[in-house]
Amino acid sequence: MPLQATPPAQVAAATATPIRAQYGWGYAGPDGEGVGTLSLLMEPTSGRLIIELHGPGERLLLLEGDRASGYHLLVPRQNLDQRATTLGQLPLPFLPQVASVEGLLKLLRTGEGPGMVVQKKDTQGPLKLHWKGKDARGKDQQVWLDRKRWEEGR
């Protein structure tokens, strides 16, 4: 079941501006290991979301869309090109399943979510996150996120 969050109207009142964030990531799972950069643009009021996951020399994942028009997920290495009306209908191969942009924002701001552990935090929230879960085949996988940038507004 996707991670639920505060209702959009309450989040909109608290966060009416776009959020740009960037994380270093590390992955270990049945398909091997990897490192790279995770970049996000989140606009909770519209549900707009752009996520890019990069590894050395290539874009591994692109997710973009909004609440009104739906979301589009591209994972070139897996020949995955999937569209959905809600974020919760798409598999996020590197984080716990979230139902909405608000859910993702809550996950990154608080570190709360299935299999998620905050390893280090500062006044803005989690600096280092560790997620342990299962992939689509039921195999163990782990992801480490290290916040490099967090900007609200602009």
Protein backbone atom coordinates (compact mmCIF):
# COMPACT_ATOMS: atom_id res chain seq x y z
CA MET A 1 0.00 0.00 0.00
CA PRO A 2 1.44 3.41 -0.94
CA LEU A 3 2.58 5.77 1.78
CA GLN A 4 -0.23 8.23 2.57
CA ALA A 5 0.34 11.85 3.42
CA THR A 6 -1.30 14.94 4.74
CA PRO A 7 -4.25 16.00 2.53
CA PRO A 8 -3.17 18.24 -0.40
CA ALA A 9 -5.06 21.30 0.91
CA GLN A 10 -3.10 21.21 4.19
CA VAL A 11 0.21 20.69 2.40
CA ALA A 12 -0.60 23.53 -0.01
CA ALA A 13 -1.04 25.91 2.89
CA ALA A 14 2.29 24.84 4.37
CA THR A 15 4.24 24.55 1.10
CA ALA A 16 2.94 26.69 -1.73
CA THR A 17 6.34 27.03 -3.41
CA PRO A 18 8.32 24.59 -5.56
CA ILE A 19 10.94 22.43 -3.89
CA ARG A 20 14.17 21.52 -5.63
CA ALA A 21 16.29 18.80 -4.09
CA GLN A 22 19.31 16.78 -5.04
CA TYR A 23 20.67 13.63 -3.44
CA GLY A 24 23.63 11.40 -3.94
CA TRP A 25 22.43 7.79 -4.05
CA GLY A 26 23.87 4.34 -3.67
CA TYR A 27 22.13 1.08 -4.57
CA ALA A 28 22.74 -2.58 -3.78
CA GLY A 29 20.45 -5.33 -5.01
CA PRO A 30 20.12 -8.46 -7.11
CA ASP A 31 21.04 -6.54 -10.28
CA GLY A 32 24.31 -5.24 -8.83
CA GLU A 33 25.45 -2.03 -7.21
CA GLY A 34 25.52 1.58 -8.33
CA VAL A 35 25.91 5.21 -7.37
CA GLY A 36 24.75 8.49 -8.84
CA THR A 37 22.55 11.55 -8.44
CA LEU A 38 18.83 11.90 -7.80
CA SER A 39 17.33 15.30 -8.72
CA LEU A 40 13.75 16.31 -7.88
CA LEU A 41 11.41 19.20 -8.55
CA MET A 42 8.19 18.98 -6.52
CA GLU A 43 5.25 21.38 -6.55
CA PRO A 44 2.82 20.06 -3.93
CA THR A 45 -0.01 22.46 -4.83
CA SER A 46 -0.29 21.14 -8.42
CA GLY A 47 1.18 17.70 -7.84
CA ARG A 48 3.88 18.51 -10.39
CA LEU A 49 6.89 16.25 -10.12
CA ILE A 50 10.07 15.77 -12.09
CA ILE A 51 12.57 13.15 -10.94
CA GLU A 52 15.79 12.30 -12.73
CA LEU A 53 18.02 9.48 -11.56
CA HIS A 54 21.51 9.54 -13.06
CA GLY A 55 24.33 7.02 -12.86
CA PRO A 56 27.83 7.55 -14.23
CA GLY A 57 27.32 8.82 -17.78
CA GLU A 58 23.62 8.02 -18.20
CA ARG A 59 20.10 8.90 -17.13
CA LEU A 60 18.64 5.80 -15.50
CA LEU A 61 15.14 7.11 -14.81
CA LEU A 62 12.87 10.01 -15.67
CA LEU A 63 9.52 10.55 -13.99
CA GLU A 64 7.45 13.62 -14.80
CA GLY A 65 3.90 14.85 -14.66
CA ASP A 66 1.27 16.46 -12.47
CA ARG A 67 -2.03 15.72 -10.75
CA ALA A 68 -4.12 17.07 -13.67
CA SER A 69 -2.49 15.25 -16.60
CA GLY A 70 -0.97 12.19 -14.89
CA TYR A 71 2.57 10.88 -14.64
CA HIS A 72 5.03 9.32 -17.09
CA LEU A 73 7.85 6.99 -15.99
CA LEU A 74 10.77 6.08 -18.26
CA VAL A 75 13.43 3.55 -17.23
CA PRO A 76 15.48 2.95 -20.41
CA ARG A 77 17.58 0.03 -19.09
CA GLN A 78 14.40 -1.90 -18.29
CA ASN A 79 12.53 -0.80 -21.44
CA LEU A 80 9.90 0.65 -19.11
CA ASP A 81 7.68 3.41 -20.51
CA GLN A 82 4.61 3.66 -18.31
CA ARG A 83 1.89 6.27 -17.78
CA ALA A 84 -0.58 6.53 -14.90
CA THR A 85 -3.17 8.97 -13.62
CA THR A 86 -1.69 8.92 -10.10
CA LEU A 87 1.81 8.65 -8.74
CA GLY A 88 0.79 5.69 -6.57
CA GLN A 89 0.13 3.60 -9.70
CA LEU A 90 3.77 3.75 -10.82
CA PRO A 91 6.56 1.58 -9.46
CA LEU A 92 9.34 3.67 -7.94
CA PRO A 93 12.32 1.32 -8.15
CA PHE A 94 14.45 3.27 -5.65
CA LEU A 95 12.05 4.37 -2.88
CA PRO A 96 9.05 3.06 -0.97
CA GLN A 97 5.83 3.40 -2.95
CA VAL A 98 4.19 6.81 -2.41
CA ALA A 99 0.61 7.74 -3.28
CA SER A 100 1.29 11.38 -4.18
CA VAL A 101 3.80 14.20 -4.41
CA GLU A 102 2.73 15.12 -0.89
CA GLY A 103 3.63 11.59 0.24
CA LEU A 104 7.06 11.86 -1.39
CA LEU A 105 7.60 15.25 0.20
CA LYS A 106 6.69 13.85 3.62
CA LEU A 107 9.04 10.90 3.09
CA LEU A 108 11.97 13.20 2.22
CA ARG A 109 11.18 15.76 4.95
CA THR A 110 10.67 13.30 7.80
CA GLY A 111 12.21 10.01 6.69
CA GLU A 112 8.96 8.22 7.54
CA GLY A 113 8.08 5.29 5.30
CA PRO A 114 8.18 1.51 5.07
CA GLY A 115 11.79 0.30 5.33
CA MET A 116 13.14 3.86 5.63
CA VAL A 117 15.64 4.82 8.34
CA VAL A 118 17.07 8.30 8.98
CA GLN A 119 20.80 7.94 9.61
CA LYS A 120 21.60 11.65 10.05
CA LYS A 121 19.55 14.85 10.11
CA ASP A 122 19.84 18.60 10.46
CA THR A 123 17.35 21.46 10.95
CA GLN A 124 15.91 20.95 7.42
CA GLY A 125 15.26 17.25 7.98
CA PRO A 126 17.00 14.01 7.00
CA LEU A 127 20.51 14.38 5.55
CA LYS A 128 21.16 10.67 5.14
CA LEU A 129 18.44 8.11 4.51
CA HIS A 130 18.64 4.35 4.13
CA TRP A 131 15.86 2.28 2.57
CA LYS A 132 15.70 -1.49 2.64
CA GLY A 133 12.96 -3.32 0.76
CA LYS A 134 12.08 -5.82 -1.96
CA ASP A 135 12.15 -5.36 -5.71
CA ALA A 136 9.31 -6.44 -8.03
CA ARG A 137 10.65 -10.02 -7.94
CA GLY A 138 10.74 -10.14 -4.14
CA LYS A 139 14.55 -9.84 -3.93
CA ASP A 140 16.24 -7.69 -1.26
CA GLN A 141 17.48 -4.27 -2.28
CA GLN A 142 18.87 -1.23 -0.48
CA VAL A 143 19.16 2.45 -1.35
CA TRP A 144 21.16 5.15 0.44
CA LEU A 145 20.29 8.82 -0.09
CA ASP A 146 22.58 11.67 0.94
CA ARG A 147 20.96 15.12 0.63
CA LYS A 148 23.18 17.58 -1.25
CA ARG A 149 20.69 20.40 -1.89
CA TRP A 150 17.22 21.42 -0.68
CA GLU A 151 15.66 24.69 -1.88
CA GLU A 152 12.14 25.95 -1.36
CA GLY A 153 10.78 28.76 -3.52
CA ARG A 154 12.01 30.50 -6.67
